[in-house]
Amino acid sequence: MDWPKHRKRVSPEVQLLIEAELRKRYDSGATIRGRMEVSGRSFGYVRRRLVATGVTFRPRGGNMCPSPRSADSGPQAPR
């Protein structure tokens, strides 16, 4: 996608295209900061566009997949 120039007002039609692209990439695992760098827009702009699409944000801190040790329901030893 060709991103509009920074500090230029975009039409509602282009805004919808931007939101759809951001949502698609975020849902497929891209980060807000990654989208920020690609688009040349601010973190706040990208986040607001995602909020407008109704996206459910992932928790902060990266990949939080459960470790194999937490798969069992028993108590874990301190590290």
PDB file of N, CA and C in Angstrom:
ATOM      1  N   MET A   1       0.838  -1.172   0.000  1.00  0.00           N
ATOM      2  CA  MET A   1       0.000   0.000   0.000  1.00  0.00           C
ATOM      3  C   MET A   1       0.886   1.240   0.000  1.00  0.00           C
ATOM      4  N   ASP A   2       0.534   2.223  -0.795  1.00  0.00           N
ATOM      5  CA  ASP A   2       1.224   3.510  -0.781  1.00  0.00           C
ATOM      6  C   ASP A   2       0.606   4.360   0.322  1.00  0.00           C
ATOM      7  N   TRP A   3       1.397   4.628   1.338  1.00  0.00           N
ATOM      8  CA  TRP A   3       0.895   5.401   2.462  1.00  0.00           C
ATOM      9  C   TRP A   3       0.853   6.870   2.096  1.00  0.00           C
ATOM     10  N   PRO A   4      -0.188   7.589   2.531  1.00  0.00           N
ATOM     11  CA  PRO A   4      -0.252   9.036   2.278  1.00  0.00           C
ATOM     12  C   PRO A   4       0.897   9.751   2.972  1.00  0.00           C
ATOM     13  N   LYS A   5       1.257  10.880   2.433  1.00  0.00           N
ATOM     14  CA  LYS A   5       2.334  11.678   3.031  1.00  0.00           C
ATOM     15  C   LYS A   5       1.953  12.100   4.448  1.00  0.00           C
ATOM     16  N   HIS A   6       2.974  12.154   5.283  1.00  0.00           N
ATOM     17  CA  HIS A   6       2.787  12.583   6.670  1.00  0.00           C
ATOM     18  C   HIS A   6       2.277  14.016   6.695  1.00  0.00           C
ATOM     19  N   ARG A   7       1.384  14.301   7.599  1.00  0.00           N
ATOM     20  CA  ARG A   7       0.788  15.625   7.799  1.00  0.00           C
ATOM     21  C   ARG A   7      -0.153  16.040   6.675  1.00  0.00           C
ATOM     22  N   LYS A   8      -0.610  15.098   5.880  1.00  0.00           N
ATOM     23  CA  LYS A   8      -1.585  15.396   4.835  1.00  0.00           C
ATOM     24  C   LYS A   8      -2.924  14.797   5.233  1.00  0.00           C
ATOM     25  N   ARG A   9      -3.980  15.573   5.052  1.00  0.00           N
ATOM     26  CA  ARG A   9      -5.322  15.089   5.366  1.00  0.00           C
ATOM     27  C   ARG A   9      -5.710  14.039   4.329  1.00  0.00           C
ATOM     28  N   VAL A  10      -6.335  12.964   4.795  1.00  0.00           N
ATOM     29  CA  VAL A  10      -6.751  11.898   3.875  1.00  0.00           C
ATOM     30  C   VAL A  10      -8.269  11.848   3.814  1.00  0.00           C
ATOM     31  N   SER A  11      -8.779  11.422   2.679  1.00  0.00           N
ATOM     32  CA  SER A  11     -10.226  11.334   2.489  1.00  0.00           C
ATOM     33  C   SER A  11     -10.784  10.175   3.306  1.00  0.00           C
ATOM     34  N   PRO A  12     -12.078  10.178   3.574  1.00  0.00           N
ATOM     35  CA  PRO A  12     -12.676   9.069   4.339  1.00  0.00           C
ATOM     36  C   PRO A  12     -12.485   7.713   3.662  1.00  0.00           C
ATOM     37  N   GLU A  13     -12.483   7.686   2.340  1.00  0.00           N
ATOM     38  CA  GLU A  13     -12.296   6.419   1.626  1.00  0.00           C
ATOM     39  C   GLU A  13     -10.888   5.874   1.859  1.00  0.00           C
ATOM     40  N   VAL A  14      -9.895   6.746   1.785  1.00  0.00           N
ATOM     41  CA  VAL A  14      -8.516   6.329   2.021  1.00  0.00           C
ATOM     42  C   VAL A  14      -8.340   5.939   3.481  1.00  0.00           C
ATOM     43  N   GLN A  15      -9.000   6.653   4.373  1.00  0.00           N
ATOM     44  CA  GLN A  15      -8.932   6.341   5.800  1.00  0.00           C
ATOM     45  C   GLN A  15      -9.417   4.911   6.061  1.00  0.00           C
ATOM     46  N   LEU A  16     -10.497   4.521   5.410  1.00  0.00           N
ATOM     47  CA  LEU A  16     -11.014   3.154   5.562  1.00  0.00           C
ATOM     48  C   LEU A  16     -10.019   2.122   5.040  1.00  0.00           C
ATOM     49  N   LEU A  17      -9.352   2.439   3.937  1.00  0.00           N
ATOM     50  CA  LEU A  17      -8.341   1.530   3.394  1.00  0.00           C
ATOM     51  C   LEU A  17      -7.158   1.389   4.360  1.00  0.00           C
ATOM     52  N   ILE A  18      -6.744   2.510   4.933  1.00  0.00           N
ATOM     53  CA  ILE A  18      -5.641   2.490   5.901  1.00  0.00           C
ATOM     54  C   ILE A  18      -6.024   1.642   7.113  1.00  0.00           C
ATOM     55  N   GLU A  19      -7.216   1.867   7.635  1.00  0.00           N
ATOM     56  CA  GLU A  19      -7.668   1.111   8.809  1.00  0.00           C
ATOM     57  C   GLU A  19      -7.740  -0.379   8.513  1.00  0.00           C
ATOM     58  N   ALA A  20      -8.251  -0.739   7.332  1.00  0.00           N
ATOM     59  CA  ALA A  20      -8.353  -2.156   6.972  1.00  0.00           C
ATOM     60  C   ALA A  20      -6.969  -2.791   6.863  1.00  0.00           C
ATOM     61  N   GLU A  21      -6.028  -2.073   6.262  1.00  0.00           N
ATOM     62  CA  GLU A  21      -4.661  -2.593   6.120  1.00  0.00           C
ATOM     63  C   GLU A  21      -3.994  -2.756   7.481  1.00  0.00           C
ATOM     64  N   LEU A  22      -4.124  -1.743   8.338  1.00  0.00           N
ATOM     65  CA  LEU A  22      -3.536  -1.834   9.671  1.00  0.00           C
ATOM     66  C   LEU A  22      -4.141  -2.991  10.461  1.00  0.00           C
ATOM     67  N   ARG A  23      -5.447  -3.136  10.391  1.00  0.00           N
ATOM     68  CA  ARG A  23      -6.132  -4.214  11.119  1.00  0.00           C
ATOM     69  C   ARG A  23      -5.678  -5.576  10.630  1.00  0.00           C
ATOM     70  N   LYS A  24      -5.595  -5.732   9.312  1.00  0.00           N
ATOM     71  CA  LYS A  24      -5.191  -7.018   8.740  1.00  0.00           C
ATOM     72  C   LYS A  24      -3.786  -7.394   9.201  1.00  0.00           C
ATOM     73  N   ARG A  25      -2.872  -6.438   9.152  1.00  0.00           N
ATOM     74  CA  ARG A  25      -1.492  -6.708   9.554  1.00  0.00           C
ATOM     75  C   ARG A  25      -1.382  -6.953  11.062  1.00  0.00           C
ATOM     76  N   TYR A  26      -2.113  -6.180  11.852  1.00  0.00           N
ATOM     77  CA  TYR A  26      -2.061  -6.363  13.313  1.00  0.00           C
ATOM     78  C   TYR A  26      -2.629  -7.733  13.687  1.00  0.00           C
ATOM     79  N   ASP A  27      -3.737  -8.109  13.073  1.00  0.00           N
ATOM     80  CA  ASP A  27      -4.341  -9.415  13.368  1.00  0.00           C
ATOM     81  C   ASP A  27      -3.446 -10.573  12.949  1.00  0.00           C
ATOM     82  N   SER A  28      -2.579 -10.340  11.959  1.00  0.00           N
ATOM     83  CA  SER A  28      -1.681 -11.407  11.523  1.00  0.00           C
ATOM     84  C   SER A  28      -0.366 -11.416  12.301  1.00  0.00           C
ATOM     85  N   GLY A  29      -0.248 -10.561  13.333  1.00  0.00           N
ATOM     86  CA  GLY A  29       0.908 -10.627  14.221  1.00  0.00           C
ATOM     87  C   GLY A  29       1.834  -9.433  14.203  1.00  0.00           C
ATOM     88  N   ALA A  30       1.623  -8.465  13.334  1.00  0.00           N
ATOM     89  CA  ALA A  30       2.484  -7.285  13.294  1.00  0.00           C
ATOM     90  C   ALA A  30       2.274  -6.448  14.554  1.00  0.00           C
ATOM     91  N   THR A  31       3.289  -5.721  14.939  1.00  0.00           N
ATOM     92  CA  THR A  31       3.191  -4.865  16.115  1.00  0.00           C
ATOM     93  C   THR A  31       2.775  -3.452  15.703  1.00  0.00           C
ATOM     94  N   ILE A  32       2.304  -2.694  16.674  1.00  0.00           N
ATOM     95  CA  ILE A  32       1.952  -1.300  16.405  1.00  0.00           C
ATOM     96  C   ILE A  32       3.215  -0.540  15.997  1.00  0.00           C
ATOM     97  N   ARG A  33       4.306  -0.780  16.686  1.00  0.00           N
ATOM     98  CA  ARG A  33       5.551  -0.088  16.343  1.00  0.00           C
ATOM     99  C   ARG A  33       6.040  -0.476  14.947  1.00  0.00           C
ATOM    100  N   GLY A  34       5.863  -1.717  14.575  1.00  0.00           N
ATOM    101  CA  GLY A  34       6.238  -2.141  13.225  1.00  0.00           C
ATOM    102  C   GLY A  34       5.414  -1.442  12.167  1.00  0.00           C
ATOM    103  N   ARG A  35       4.118  -1.328  12.408  1.00  0.00           N
ATOM    104  CA  ARG A  35       3.231  -0.621  11.476  1.00  0.00           C
ATOM    105  C   ARG A  35       3.566   0.863  11.454  1.00  0.00           C
ATOM    106  N   MET A  36       3.980   1.389  12.593  1.00  0.00           N
ATOM    107  CA  MET A  36       4.361   2.792  12.680  1.00  0.00           C
ATOM    108  C   MET A  36       5.556   3.072  11.774  1.00  0.00           C
ATOM    109  N   GLU A  37       6.548   2.204  11.816  1.00  0.00           N
ATOM    110  CA  GLU A  37       7.750   2.396  11.008  1.00  0.00           C
ATOM    111  C   GLU A  37       7.453   2.272   9.520  1.00  0.00           C
ATOM    112  N   VAL A  38       6.625   1.315   9.147  1.00  0.00           N
ATOM    113  CA  VAL A  38       6.300   1.110   7.733  1.00  0.00           C
ATOM    114  C   VAL A  38       5.478   2.263   7.182  1.00  0.00           C
ATOM    115  N   SER A  39       4.528   2.736   7.965  1.00  0.00           N
ATOM    116  CA  SER A  39       3.609   3.760   7.478  1.00  0.00           C
ATOM    117  C   SER A  39       4.170   5.172   7.577  1.00  0.00           C
ATOM    118  N   GLY A  40       5.158   5.377   8.450  1.00  0.00           N
ATOM    119  CA  GLY A  40       5.676   6.716   8.662  1.00  0.00           C
ATOM    120  C   GLY A  40       4.771   7.561   9.541  1.00  0.00           C
ATOM    121  N   ARG A  41       3.804   6.932  10.187  1.00  0.00           N
ATOM    122  CA  ARG A  41       2.881   7.637  11.081  1.00  0.00           C
ATOM    123  C   ARG A  41       3.287   7.403  12.523  1.00  0.00           C
ATOM    124  N   SER A  42       2.710   8.167  13.420  1.00  0.00           N
ATOM    125  CA  SER A  42       3.057   8.051  14.834  1.00  0.00           C
ATOM    126  C   SER A  42       2.395   6.825  15.464  1.00  0.00           C
ATOM    127  N   PHE A  43       2.915   6.453  16.630  1.00  0.00           N
ATOM    128  CA  PHE A  43       2.342   5.348  17.391  1.00  0.00           C
ATOM    129  C   PHE A  43       0.877   5.636  17.695  1.00  0.00           C
ATOM    130  N   GLY A  44       0.604   6.872  18.130  1.00  0.00           N
ATOM    131  CA  GLY A  44      -0.767   7.255  18.472  1.00  0.00           C
ATOM    132  C   GLY A  44      -1.708   7.174  17.285  1.00  0.00           C
ATOM    133  N   TYR A  45      -1.245   7.585  16.114  1.00  0.00           N
ATOM    134  CA  TYR A  45      -2.079   7.523  14.914  1.00  0.00           C
ATOM    135  C   TYR A  45      -2.449   6.074  14.597  1.00  0.00           C
ATOM    136  N   VAL A  46      -1.435   5.201  14.592  1.00  0.00           N
ATOM    137  CA  VAL A  46      -1.683   3.790  14.277  1.00  0.00           C
ATOM    138  C   VAL A  46      -2.621   3.180  15.311  1.00  0.00           C
ATOM    139  N   ARG A  47      -2.386   3.476  16.578  1.00  0.00           N
ATOM    140  CA  ARG A  47      -3.238   2.922  17.630  1.00  0.00           C
ATOM    141  C   ARG A  47      -4.671   3.428  17.504  1.00  0.00           C
ATOM    142  N   ARG A  48      -4.853   4.719  17.234  1.00  0.00           N
ATOM    143  CA  ARG A  48      -6.211   5.273  17.067  1.00  0.00           C
ATOM    144  C   ARG A  48      -6.930   4.632  15.890  1.00  0.00           C
ATOM    145  N   ARG A  49      -6.213   4.381  14.807  1.00  0.00           N
ATOM    146  CA  ARG A  49      -6.838   3.740  13.639  1.00  0.00           C
ATOM    147  C   ARG A  49      -7.252   2.309  13.991  1.00  0.00           C
ATOM    148  N   LEU A  50      -6.436   1.622  14.784  1.00  0.00           N
ATOM    149  CA  LEU A  50      -6.798   0.269  15.202  1.00  0.00           C
ATOM    150  C   LEU A  50      -7.994   0.293  16.151  1.00  0.00           C
ATOM    151  N   VAL A  51      -8.030   1.255  17.059  1.00  0.00           N
ATOM    152  CA  VAL A  51      -9.178   1.397  17.969  1.00  0.00           C
ATOM    153  C   VAL A  51     -10.443   1.619  17.153  1.00  0.00           C
ATOM    154  N   ALA A  52     -10.353   2.423  16.095  1.00  0.00           N
ATOM    155  CA  ALA A  52     -11.514   2.717  15.257  1.00  0.00           C
ATOM    156  C   ALA A  52     -12.064   1.463  14.582  1.00  0.00           C
ATOM    157  N   THR A  53     -11.204   0.465  14.359  1.00  0.00           N
ATOM    158  CA  THR A  53     -11.666  -0.774  13.736  1.00  0.00           C
ATOM    159  C   THR A  53     -12.230  -1.754  14.747  1.00  0.00           C
ATOM    160  N   GLY A  54     -12.048  -1.461  16.046  1.00  0.00           N
ATOM    161  CA  GLY A  54     -12.569  -2.351  17.081  1.00  0.00           C
ATOM    162  C   GLY A  54     -11.662  -3.521  17.396  1.00  0.00           C
ATOM    163  N   VAL A  55     -10.380  -3.394  17.088  1.00  0.00           N
ATOM    164  CA  VAL A  55      -9.445  -4.487  17.319  1.00  0.00           C
ATOM    165  C   VAL A  55      -9.301  -4.761  18.819  1.00  0.00           C
ATOM    166  N   THR A  56      -9.058  -6.007  19.175  1.00  0.00           N
ATOM    167  CA  THR A  56      -8.726  -6.392  20.539  1.00  0.00           C
ATOM    168  C   THR A  56      -7.209  -6.428  20.629  1.00  0.00           C
ATOM    169  N   PHE A  57      -6.660  -5.579  21.478  1.00  0.00           N
ATOM    170  CA  PHE A  57      -5.210  -5.484  21.576  1.00  0.00           C
ATOM    171  C   PHE A  57      -4.634  -6.655  22.337  1.00  0.00           C
ATOM    172  N   ARG A  58      -3.456  -7.078  21.899  1.00  0.00           N
ATOM    173  CA  ARG A  58      -2.719  -8.123  22.599  1.00  0.00           C
ATOM    174  C   ARG A  58      -2.082  -7.507  23.842  1.00  0.00           C
ATOM    175  N   PRO A  59      -1.776  -8.332  24.852  1.00  0.00           N
ATOM    176  CA  PRO A  59      -1.108  -7.791  26.035  1.00  0.00           C
ATOM    177  C   PRO A  59       0.302  -7.326  25.687  1.00  0.00           C
ATOM    178  N   ARG A  60       0.796  -6.390  26.457  1.00  0.00           N
ATOM    179  CA  ARG A  60       2.150  -5.894  26.239  1.00  0.00           C
ATOM    180  C   ARG A  60       3.166  -6.944  26.623  1.00  0.00           C
ATOM    181  N   GLY A  61       4.353  -6.849  26.057  1.00  0.00           N
ATOM    182  CA  GLY A  61       5.444  -7.703  26.496  1.00  0.00           C
ATOM    183  C   GLY A  61       5.813  -8.809  25.538  1.00  0.00           C
ATOM    184  N   GLY A  62       5.329  -8.790  24.337  1.00  0.00           N
ATOM    185  CA  GLY A  62       5.750  -9.783  23.365  1.00  0.00           C
ATOM    186  C   GLY A  62       4.966 -11.071  23.451  1.00  0.00           C
ATOM    187  N   ASN A  63       5.562 -12.111  22.918  1.00  0.00           N
ATOM    188  CA  ASN A  63       4.919 -13.412  22.834  1.00  0.00           C
ATOM    189  C   ASN A  63       4.798 -14.013  24.227  1.00  0.00           C
ATOM    190  N   MET A  64       3.583 -14.219  24.666  1.00  0.00           N
ATOM    191  CA  MET A  64       3.350 -14.735  26.012  1.00  0.00           C
ATOM    192  C   MET A  64       2.816 -16.170  25.961  1.00  0.00           C
ATOM    193  N   CYS A  65       3.329 -16.965  25.034  1.00  0.00           N
ATOM    194  CA  CYS A  65       2.894 -18.357  24.932  1.00  0.00           C
ATOM    195  C   CYS A  65       3.270 -19.090  26.211  1.00  0.00           C
ATOM    196  N   PRO A  66       2.390 -19.978  26.671  1.00  0.00           N
ATOM    197  CA  PRO A  66       2.718 -20.720  27.896  1.00  0.00           C
ATOM    198  C   PRO A  66       3.904 -21.640  27.668  1.00  0.00           C
ATOM    199  N   SER A  67       4.749 -21.724  28.658  1.00  0.00           N
ATOM    200  CA  SER A  67       5.897 -22.616  28.552  1.00  0.00           C
ATOM    201  C   SER A  67       5.431 -24.053  28.771  1.00  0.00           C
ATOM    202  N   PRO A  68       6.209 -25.030  28.340  1.00  0.00           N
ATOM    203  CA  PRO A  68       5.820 -26.432  28.545  1.00  0.00           C
ATOM    204  C   PRO A  68       5.621 -26.781  30.012  1.00  0.00           C
ATOM    205  N   ARG A  69       6.360 -26.120  30.920  1.00  0.00           N
ATOM    206  CA  ARG A  69       6.211 -26.419  32.351  1.00  0.00           C
ATOM    207  C   ARG A  69       4.857 -25.974  32.878  1.00  0.00           C
ATOM    208  N   SER A  70       4.271 -24.957  32.309  1.00  0.00           N
ATOM    209  CA  SER A  70       2.993 -24.475  32.829  1.00  0.00           C
ATOM    210  C   SER A  70       1.811 -25.253  32.256  1.00  0.00           C
ATOM    211  N   ALA A  71       2.073 -26.220  31.391  1.00  0.00           N
ATOM    212  CA  ALA A  71       0.997 -27.005  30.804  1.00  0.00           C
ATOM    213  C   ALA A  71       0.326 -27.896  31.853  1.00  0.00           C
ATOM    214  N   ASP A  72       1.113 -28.388  32.816  1.00  0.00           N
ATOM    215  CA  ASP A  72       0.487 -29.183  33.872  1.00  0.00           C
ATOM    216  C   ASP A  72      -0.108 -28.251  34.904  1.00  0.00           C
ATOM    217  N   SER A  73      -1.025 -28.754  35.666  1.00  0.00           N
ATOM    218  CA  SER A  73      -1.704 -27.890  36.637  1.00  0.00           C
ATOM    219  C   SER A  73      -1.052 -27.931  38.011  1.00  0.00           C
ATOM    220  N   GLY A  74       0.063 -28.626  38.137  1.00  0.00           N
ATOM    221  CA  GLY A  74       0.743 -28.731  39.426  1.00  0.00           C
ATOM    222  C   GLY A  74       1.512 -27.477  39.760  1.00  0.00           C
ATOM    223  N   PRO A  75       1.923 -27.360  41.033  1.00  0.00           N
ATOM    224  CA  PRO A  75       2.676 -26.176  41.448  1.00  0.00           C
ATOM    225  C   PRO A  75       4.057 -26.163  40.781  1.00  0.00           C
ATOM    226  N   GLN A  76       4.547 -24.959  40.556  1.00  0.00           N
ATOM    227  CA  GLN A  76       5.857 -24.813  39.936  1.00  0.00           C
ATOM    228  C   GLN A  76       6.880 -24.422  40.996  1.00  0.00           C
ATOM    229  N   ALA A  77       8.091 -24.893  40.804  1.00  0.00           N
ATOM    230  CA  ALA A  77       9.162 -24.551  41.716  1.00  0.00           C
ATOM    231  C   ALA A  77       9.607 -23.114  41.423  1.00  0.00           C
ATOM    232  N   PRO A  78      10.033 -22.384  42.449  1.00  0.00           N
ATOM    233  CA  PRO A  78      10.545 -21.021  42.203  1.00  0.00           C
ATOM    234  C   PRO A  78      11.801 -21.074  41.372  1.00  0.00           C
ATOM    235  N   ARG A  79      12.034 -20.019  40.612  1.00  0.00           N
ATOM    236  CA  ARG A  79      13.213 -19.987  39.745  1.00  0.00           C
ATOM    237  C   ARG A  79      14.402 -19.407  40.440  1.00  0.00           C
TER     238      ARG A  79
END
